[in-house]
Amino acid sequence: MFIVFTRTLILFAIVVVTMRVMGKRQIGELQPFELAVAILISDLAAVPMQNTGIPLLNGIIPILTLLIGQMALSFISLKSIKARGVICGKPRILIANGKIQEDELRKEMFTLSDLLEQLRIKNTPNIADVEFAILETNGQLSVIPKSQKRAVNSEDLNISTNYEGLPLDLIVDGNINYTNLEKIHLDKAWLLDELKKFGIDNPDIVLFASIDSQGKLYWQNKG
């Protein structure tokens, strides 16, 4: 039993490291060859876990080989546009200038029902509102609505807006993030003073606190 436990931990660690090296993309964002590698790795790891008669190296070596192959293909894709088109494929324009491209649908074996379903997922139920619909290489559909159907923004109304940067986490589950405090040239004393204004004497009771680009502090205590 201990041997099975140990083998499982080793293979789990290798798979986690391998998937981490491959990148942070979600399953729905993987290229076809990346998805194939992920499936093969899971199968290769499962067999030695279940059968202790198979040497552990019989699972580790193929996994590392697939990782090297995947990294090689990714490197080639980064360096060569032509190779990228062969390895990852090319985006297909399924709707162009408001018209459905039947030839492109057939090439991708994409039915009209599939197209309408994807448009609904993108909150565009009316195909008449679409200027372009592009099937990306990872299988997701990018939708560009017609100009008169796009949401009005501040630029359309000639309204000037202030810059909005990313808010910084200052406290997470009672732990102060000193790195982020240094980024905005503040310290723990300042943070504690700000919390006291809200009647908080101990940061340990704070579930989350952050500060936006305008210097506004958001906080929430633990339940």
C-alpha atoms as a PDB file:
ATOM      1  CA  MET A   1       0.000   0.000   0.000  1.00  0.00           C
ATOM      2  CA  PHE A   2       2.848   2.380   0.867  1.00  0.00           C
ATOM      3  CA  ILE A   3       4.452   1.671  -2.527  1.00  0.00           C
ATOM      4  CA  VAL A   4       1.228   2.580  -4.346  1.00  0.00           C
ATOM      5  CA  PHE A   5       0.921   5.752  -2.277  1.00  0.00           C
ATOM      6  CA  THR A   6       4.513   6.774  -3.025  1.00  0.00           C
ATOM      7  CA  ARG A   7       4.247   6.024  -6.752  1.00  0.00           C
ATOM      8  CA  THR A   8       1.031   8.025  -6.959  1.00  0.00           C
ATOM      9  CA  LEU A   9       2.599  11.042  -5.254  1.00  0.00           C
ATOM     10  CA  ILE A  10       5.641  10.925  -7.548  1.00  0.00           C
ATOM     11  CA  LEU A  11       3.568  10.686 -10.717  1.00  0.00           C
ATOM     12  CA  PHE A  12       1.163  13.356  -9.487  1.00  0.00           C
ATOM     13  CA  ALA A  13       4.060  15.730  -8.837  1.00  0.00           C
ATOM     14  CA  ILE A  14       5.531  15.059 -12.290  1.00  0.00           C
ATOM     15  CA  VAL A  15       2.196  15.621 -14.021  1.00  0.00           C
ATOM     16  CA  VAL A  16       1.588  18.869 -12.104  1.00  0.00           C
ATOM     17  CA  VAL A  17       5.059  20.184 -12.980  1.00  0.00           C
ATOM     18  CA  THR A  18       4.633  19.119 -16.602  1.00  0.00           C
ATOM     19  CA  MET A  19       1.280  20.856 -16.980  1.00  0.00           C
ATOM     20  CA  ARG A  20       2.686  23.937 -15.254  1.00  0.00           C
ATOM     21  CA  VAL A  21       5.595  24.087 -17.693  1.00  0.00           C
ATOM     22  CA  MET A  22       3.170  23.737 -20.604  1.00  0.00           C
ATOM     23  CA  GLY A  23       1.475  27.001 -19.599  1.00  0.00           C
ATOM     24  CA  LYS A  24      -1.550  28.400 -17.801  1.00  0.00           C
ATOM     25  CA  ARG A  25      -4.159  28.114 -20.509  1.00  0.00           C
ATOM     26  CA  GLN A  26      -7.457  26.458 -19.673  1.00  0.00           C
ATOM     27  CA  ILE A  27      -8.671  23.317 -21.437  1.00  0.00           C
ATOM     28  CA  GLY A  28     -10.964  25.319 -23.723  1.00  0.00           C
ATOM     29  CA  GLU A  29      -8.039  27.509 -24.812  1.00  0.00           C
ATOM     30  CA  LEU A  30      -5.593  24.729 -25.697  1.00  0.00           C
ATOM     31  CA  GLN A  31      -4.414  24.204 -29.242  1.00  0.00           C
ATOM     32  CA  PRO A  32      -5.288  20.757 -30.681  1.00  0.00           C
ATOM     33  CA  PHE A  33      -1.751  19.398 -30.246  1.00  0.00           C
ATOM     34  CA  GLU A  34      -1.635  20.713 -26.662  1.00  0.00           C
ATOM     35  CA  LEU A  35      -4.915  18.994 -25.832  1.00  0.00           C
ATOM     36  CA  ALA A  36      -3.586  15.737 -27.343  1.00  0.00           C
ATOM     37  CA  VAL A  37      -0.456  15.981 -25.189  1.00  0.00           C
ATOM     38  CA  ALA A  38      -2.524  16.645 -22.041  1.00  0.00           C
ATOM     39  CA  ILE A  39      -4.716  13.588 -22.691  1.00  0.00           C
ATOM     40  CA  LEU A  40      -1.711  11.349 -23.387  1.00  0.00           C
ATOM     41  CA  ILE A  41       0.057  12.517 -20.241  1.00  0.00           C
ATOM     42  CA  SER A  42      -2.957  11.688 -18.073  1.00  0.00           C
ATOM     43  CA  ASP A  43      -3.164   8.201 -19.604  1.00  0.00           C
ATOM     44  CA  LEU A  44       0.565   7.561 -19.208  1.00  0.00           C
ATOM     45  CA  ALA A  45       0.431   8.567 -15.551  1.00  0.00           C
ATOM     46  CA  ALA A  46      -2.662   6.482 -14.780  1.00  0.00           C
ATOM     47  CA  VAL A  47      -1.235   3.123 -15.893  1.00  0.00           C
ATOM     48  CA  PRO A  48       1.807   3.007 -13.527  1.00  0.00           C
ATOM     49  CA  MET A  49      -0.391   4.270 -10.689  1.00  0.00           C
ATOM     50  CA  GLN A  50      -2.749   1.320 -11.022  1.00  0.00           C
ATOM     51  CA  ASN A  51      -0.226  -1.396 -11.901  1.00  0.00           C
ATOM     52  CA  THR A  52       2.742  -1.608  -9.540  1.00  0.00           C
ATOM     53  CA  GLY A  53       4.264  -4.278 -11.799  1.00  0.00           C
ATOM     54  CA  ILE A  54       5.090  -1.611 -14.374  1.00  0.00           C
ATOM     55  CA  PRO A  55       8.375   0.191 -13.640  1.00  0.00           C
ATOM     56  CA  LEU A  56       7.865   3.816 -12.638  1.00  0.00           C
ATOM     57  CA  LEU A  57      10.272   4.957 -15.352  1.00  0.00           C
ATOM     58  CA  ASN A  58       7.931   3.476 -17.980  1.00  0.00           C
ATOM     59  CA  GLY A  59       5.497   6.253 -17.096  1.00  0.00           C
ATOM     60  CA  ILE A  60       7.973   9.044 -16.316  1.00  0.00           C
ATOM     61  CA  ILE A  61      10.095   8.807 -19.481  1.00  0.00           C
ATOM     62  CA  PRO A  62       7.144   9.021 -21.954  1.00  0.00           C
ATOM     63  CA  ILE A  63       5.676  11.948 -19.996  1.00  0.00           C
ATOM     64  CA  LEU A  64       8.962  13.865 -20.143  1.00  0.00           C
ATOM     65  CA  THR A  65       9.312  12.960 -23.827  1.00  0.00           C
ATOM     66  CA  LEU A  66       5.883  14.403 -24.567  1.00  0.00           C
ATOM     67  CA  LEU A  67       6.779  17.525 -22.599  1.00  0.00           C
ATOM     68  CA  ILE A  68       9.937  18.017 -24.651  1.00  0.00           C
ATOM     69  CA  GLY A  69       7.985  17.452 -27.871  1.00  0.00           C
ATOM     70  CA  GLN A  70       5.299  19.931 -26.827  1.00  0.00           C
ATOM     71  CA  MET A  71       7.881  22.556 -25.895  1.00  0.00           C
ATOM     72  CA  ALA A  72       9.670  22.029 -29.214  1.00  0.00           C
ATOM     73  CA  LEU A  73       6.454  22.527 -31.180  1.00  0.00           C
ATOM     74  CA  SER A  74       5.605  25.617 -29.130  1.00  0.00           C
ATOM     75  CA  PHE A  75       9.077  27.066 -29.778  1.00  0.00           C
ATOM     76  CA  ILE A  76       8.780  26.387 -33.511  1.00  0.00           C
ATOM     77  CA  SER A  77       5.333  28.030 -33.511  1.00  0.00           C
ATOM     78  CA  LEU A  78       6.795  31.128 -31.855  1.00  0.00           C
ATOM     79  CA  LYS A  79       9.600  31.433 -34.389  1.00  0.00           C
ATOM     80  CA  SER A  80       7.816  30.571 -37.657  1.00  0.00           C
ATOM     81  CA  ILE A  81       4.490  31.898 -38.906  1.00  0.00           C
ATOM     82  CA  LYS A  82       4.262  29.156 -41.560  1.00  0.00           C
ATOM     83  CA  ALA A  83       4.925  26.436 -39.009  1.00  0.00           C
ATOM     84  CA  ARG A  84       2.361  28.017 -36.691  1.00  0.00           C
ATOM     85  CA  GLY A  85      -0.259  27.708 -39.407  1.00  0.00           C
ATOM     86  CA  VAL A  86       0.545  24.019 -39.908  1.00  0.00           C
ATOM     87  CA  ILE A  87       0.753  23.137 -36.206  1.00  0.00           C
ATOM     88  CA  CYS A  88      -2.057  25.272 -34.807  1.00  0.00           C
ATOM     89  CA  GLY A  89      -4.148  25.914 -37.901  1.00  0.00           C
ATOM     90  CA  LYS A  90      -5.486  29.281 -39.027  1.00  0.00           C
ATOM     91  CA  PRO A  91      -8.527  31.293 -37.925  1.00  0.00           C
ATOM     92  CA  ARG A  92     -11.572  30.932 -40.173  1.00  0.00           C
ATOM     93  CA  ILE A  93     -13.947  33.790 -40.904  1.00  0.00           C
ATOM     94  CA  LEU A  94     -17.422  32.255 -40.695  1.00  0.00           C
ATOM     95  CA  ILE A  95     -19.282  35.557 -41.086  1.00  0.00           C
ATOM     96  CA  ALA A  96     -17.746  38.356 -43.168  1.00  0.00           C
ATOM     97  CA  ASN A  97     -19.359  41.743 -43.697  1.00  0.00           C
ATOM     98  CA  GLY A  98     -22.600  40.387 -42.289  1.00  0.00           C
ATOM     99  CA  LYS A  99     -22.745  37.376 -44.640  1.00  0.00           C
ATOM    100  CA  ILE A 100     -22.391  33.714 -43.677  1.00  0.00           C
ATOM    101  CA  GLN A 101     -19.437  32.065 -45.416  1.00  0.00           C
ATOM    102  CA  GLU A 102     -20.811  28.664 -46.367  1.00  0.00           C
ATOM    103  CA  ASP A 103     -17.511  27.371 -47.775  1.00  0.00           C
ATOM    104  CA  GLU A 104     -15.711  28.124 -44.530  1.00  0.00           C
ATOM    105  CA  LEU A 105     -18.441  26.408 -42.510  1.00  0.00           C
ATOM    106  CA  ARG A 106     -18.041  23.271 -44.612  1.00  0.00           C
ATOM    107  CA  LYS A 107     -14.250  23.292 -44.300  1.00  0.00           C
ATOM    108  CA  GLU A 108     -14.504  23.408 -40.516  1.00  0.00           C
ATOM    109  CA  MET A 109     -17.486  21.001 -40.417  1.00  0.00           C
ATOM    110  CA  PHE A 110     -19.346  23.733 -38.547  1.00  0.00           C
ATOM    111  CA  THR A 111     -23.125  23.620 -38.895  1.00  0.00           C
ATOM    112  CA  LEU A 112     -25.432  26.612 -38.822  1.00  0.00           C
ATOM    113  CA  SER A 113     -26.817  25.285 -35.559  1.00  0.00           C
ATOM    114  CA  ASP A 114     -23.287  25.290 -34.106  1.00  0.00           C
ATOM    115  CA  LEU A 115     -22.783  28.850 -35.310  1.00  0.00           C
ATOM    116  CA  LEU A 116     -26.053  30.092 -33.830  1.00  0.00           C
ATOM    117  CA  GLU A 117     -25.304  28.338 -30.538  1.00  0.00           C
ATOM    118  CA  GLN A 118     -21.900  30.006 -30.276  1.00  0.00           C
ATOM    119  CA  LEU A 119     -23.408  33.396 -31.110  1.00  0.00           C
ATOM    120  CA  ARG A 120     -25.956  32.970 -28.321  1.00  0.00           C
ATOM    121  CA  ILE A 121     -23.140  32.098 -25.900  1.00  0.00           C
ATOM    122  CA  LYS A 122     -21.512  35.387 -26.933  1.00  0.00           C
ATOM    123  CA  ASN A 123     -24.764  37.253 -26.132  1.00  0.00           C
ATOM    124  CA  THR A 124     -25.465  37.866 -29.815  1.00  0.00           C
ATOM    125  CA  PRO A 125     -28.703  35.976 -30.500  1.00  0.00           C
ATOM    126  CA  ASN A 126     -29.468  37.885 -33.711  1.00  0.00           C
ATOM    127  CA  ILE A 127     -27.128  36.937 -36.546  1.00  0.00           C
ATOM    128  CA  ALA A 128     -28.160  40.129 -38.354  1.00  0.00           C
ATOM    129  CA  ASP A 129     -26.218  42.107 -35.722  1.00  0.00           C
ATOM    130  CA  VAL A 130     -22.908  40.422 -36.582  1.00  0.00           C
ATOM    131  CA  GLU A 131     -20.306  42.023 -38.845  1.00  0.00           C
ATOM    132  CA  PHE A 132     -17.622  39.354 -38.416  1.00  0.00           C
ATOM    133  CA  ALA A 133     -17.502  35.984 -36.676  1.00  0.00           C
ATOM    134  CA  ILE A 134     -14.096  34.318 -36.543  1.00  0.00           C
ATOM    135  CA  LEU A 135     -13.462  30.728 -35.492  1.00  0.00           C
ATOM    136  CA  GLU A 136     -10.141  30.875 -33.658  1.00  0.00           C
ATOM    137  CA  THR A 137      -7.530  28.123 -33.709  1.00  0.00           C
ATOM    138  CA  ASN A 138      -8.496  26.995 -30.196  1.00  0.00           C
ATOM    139  CA  GLY A 139     -12.096  26.423 -31.299  1.00  0.00           C
ATOM    140  CA  GLN A 140     -13.606  29.533 -29.715  1.00  0.00           C
ATOM    141  CA  LEU A 141     -15.691  32.004 -31.689  1.00  0.00           C
ATOM    142  CA  SER A 142     -14.807  35.702 -31.723  1.00  0.00           C
ATOM    143  CA  VAL A 143     -17.750  37.960 -32.560  1.00  0.00           C
ATOM    144  CA  ILE A 144     -17.472  41.525 -33.867  1.00  0.00           C
ATOM    145  CA  PRO A 145     -20.903  43.208 -33.938  1.00  0.00           C
ATOM    146  CA  LYS A 146     -21.941  45.798 -36.484  1.00  0.00           C
ATOM    147  CA  SER A 147     -20.952  49.331 -35.518  1.00  0.00           C
ATOM    148  CA  GLN A 148     -24.540  50.446 -34.910  1.00  0.00           C
ATOM    149  CA  LYS A 149     -25.075  47.462 -32.600  1.00  0.00           C
ATOM    150  CA  ARG A 150     -22.065  47.988 -30.372  1.00  0.00           C
ATOM    151  CA  ALA A 151     -22.427  49.285 -26.844  1.00  0.00           C
ATOM    152  CA  VAL A 152     -21.932  53.030 -26.447  1.00  0.00           C
ATOM    153  CA  ASN A 153     -18.687  53.941 -24.680  1.00  0.00           C
ATOM    154  CA  SER A 154     -17.247  57.119 -23.186  1.00  0.00           C
ATOM    155  CA  GLU A 155     -15.360  57.996 -26.357  1.00  0.00           C
ATOM    156  CA  ASP A 156     -18.576  57.891 -28.402  1.00  0.00           C
ATOM    157  CA  LEU A 157     -20.093  60.419 -25.999  1.00  0.00           C
ATOM    158  CA  ASN A 158     -16.927  62.572 -25.869  1.00  0.00           C
ATOM    159  CA  ILE A 159     -16.650  62.009 -22.123  1.00  0.00           C
ATOM    160  CA  SER A 160     -13.171  62.080 -20.608  1.00  0.00           C
ATOM    161  CA  THR A 161     -12.414  59.417 -18.025  1.00  0.00           C
ATOM    162  CA  ASN A 162      -9.731  58.982 -15.403  1.00  0.00           C
ATOM    163  CA  TYR A 163      -7.101  56.289 -15.668  1.00  0.00           C
ATOM    164  CA  GLU A 164      -8.102  53.047 -13.975  1.00  0.00           C
ATOM    165  CA  GLY A 165      -5.242  50.755 -13.056  1.00  0.00           C
ATOM    166  CA  LEU A 166      -5.404  47.403 -11.363  1.00  0.00           C
ATOM    167  CA  PRO A 167      -6.251  47.424  -7.648  1.00  0.00           C
ATOM    168  CA  LEU A 168      -3.609  45.964  -5.371  1.00  0.00           C
ATOM    169  CA  ASP A 169      -4.313  43.404  -2.655  1.00  0.00           C
ATOM    170  CA  LEU A 170      -3.098  44.690   0.713  1.00  0.00           C
ATOM    171  CA  ILE A 171      -4.577  42.073   3.045  1.00  0.00           C
ATOM    172  CA  VAL A 172      -5.661  38.549   2.142  1.00  0.00           C
ATOM    173  CA  ASP A 173      -7.143  36.384   4.892  1.00  0.00           C
ATOM    174  CA  GLY A 174      -5.527  38.506   7.595  1.00  0.00           C
ATOM    175  CA  ASN A 175      -2.054  38.494   6.011  1.00  0.00           C
ATOM    176  CA  ILE A 176      -0.562  41.829   4.965  1.00  0.00           C
ATOM    177  CA  ASN A 177       1.001  41.965   1.496  1.00  0.00           C
ATOM    178  CA  TYR A 178       4.135  43.999   2.143  1.00  0.00           C
ATOM    179  CA  THR A 179       5.283  43.702  -1.483  1.00  0.00           C
ATOM    180  CA  ASN A 180       2.241  45.568  -2.750  1.00  0.00           C
ATOM    181  CA  LEU A 181       2.610  48.172  -0.003  1.00  0.00           C
ATOM    182  CA  GLU A 182       6.147  48.853  -1.223  1.00  0.00           C
ATOM    183  CA  LYS A 183       4.910  49.207  -4.799  1.00  0.00           C
ATOM    184  CA  ILE A 184       2.706  52.154  -3.815  1.00  0.00           C
ATOM    185  CA  HIS A 185       5.337  53.567  -1.438  1.00  0.00           C
ATOM    186  CA  LEU A 186       3.299  52.942   1.702  1.00  0.00           C
ATOM    187  CA  ASP A 187       3.961  50.937   4.831  1.00  0.00           C
ATOM    188  CA  LYS A 188       2.245  48.894   7.537  1.00  0.00           C
ATOM    189  CA  ALA A 189       1.810  51.937   9.789  1.00  0.00           C
ATOM    190  CA  TRP A 190      -0.209  53.726   7.094  1.00  0.00           C
ATOM    191  CA  LEU A 191      -2.369  50.655   6.541  1.00  0.00           C
ATOM    192  CA  LEU A 192      -3.064  50.244  10.253  1.00  0.00           C
ATOM    193  CA  ASP A 193      -3.993  53.921  10.540  1.00  0.00           C
ATOM    194  CA  GLU A 194      -6.436  53.578   7.657  1.00  0.00           C
ATOM    195  CA  LEU A 195      -8.022  50.493   9.180  1.00  0.00           C
ATOM    196  CA  LYS A 196      -8.449  52.294  12.508  1.00  0.00           C
ATOM    197  CA  LYS A 197     -10.624  54.856  10.721  1.00  0.00           C
ATOM    198  CA  PHE A 198     -13.079  51.990  10.164  1.00  0.00           C
ATOM    199  CA  GLY A 199     -12.809  50.752  13.732  1.00  0.00           C
ATOM    200  CA  ILE A 200     -10.404  47.916  12.927  1.00  0.00           C
ATOM    201  CA  ASP A 201      -7.537  47.559  15.388  1.00  0.00           C
ATOM    202  CA  ASN A 202      -6.190  44.206  14.202  1.00  0.00           C
ATOM    203  CA  PRO A 203      -5.573  43.285  10.538  1.00  0.00           C
ATOM    204  CA  ASP A 204      -5.975  39.607  11.467  1.00  0.00           C
ATOM    205  CA  ILE A 205      -9.763  40.038  11.418  1.00  0.00           C
ATOM    206  CA  VAL A 206      -9.722  41.437   7.855  1.00  0.00           C
ATOM    207  CA  LEU A 207     -10.693  38.927   5.178  1.00  0.00           C
ATOM    208  CA  PHE A 208      -9.644  41.122   2.266  1.00  0.00           C
ATOM    209  CA  ALA A 209      -8.426  44.665   1.698  1.00  0.00           C
ATOM    210  CA  SER A 210      -7.286  46.366  -1.504  1.00  0.00           C
ATOM    211  CA  ILE A 211      -6.508  49.831  -2.817  1.00  0.00           C
ATOM    212  CA  ASP A 212      -7.372  51.189  -6.273  1.00  0.00           C
ATOM    213  CA  SER A 213      -5.453  53.625  -8.476  1.00  0.00           C
ATOM    214  CA  GLN A 214      -7.369  56.534  -6.907  1.00  0.00           C
ATOM    215  CA  GLY A 215      -6.167  55.606  -3.418  1.00  0.00           C
ATOM    216  CA  LYS A 216      -9.556  54.309  -2.259  1.00  0.00           C
ATOM    217  CA  LEU A 217      -9.353  51.496   0.258  1.00  0.00           C
ATOM    218  CA  TYR A 218     -11.769  48.565   0.081  1.00  0.00           C
ATOM    219  CA  TRP A 219     -12.046  46.162   2.998  1.00  0.00           C
ATOM    220  CA  GLN A 220     -14.159  43.331   4.355  1.00  0.00           C
ATOM    221  CA  ASN A 221     -13.883  41.625   7.709  1.00  0.00           C
ATOM    222  CA  LYS A 222     -13.975  37.898   8.264  1.00  0.00           C
ATOM    223  CA  GLY A 223     -17.388  36.427   8.975  1.00  0.00           C
END
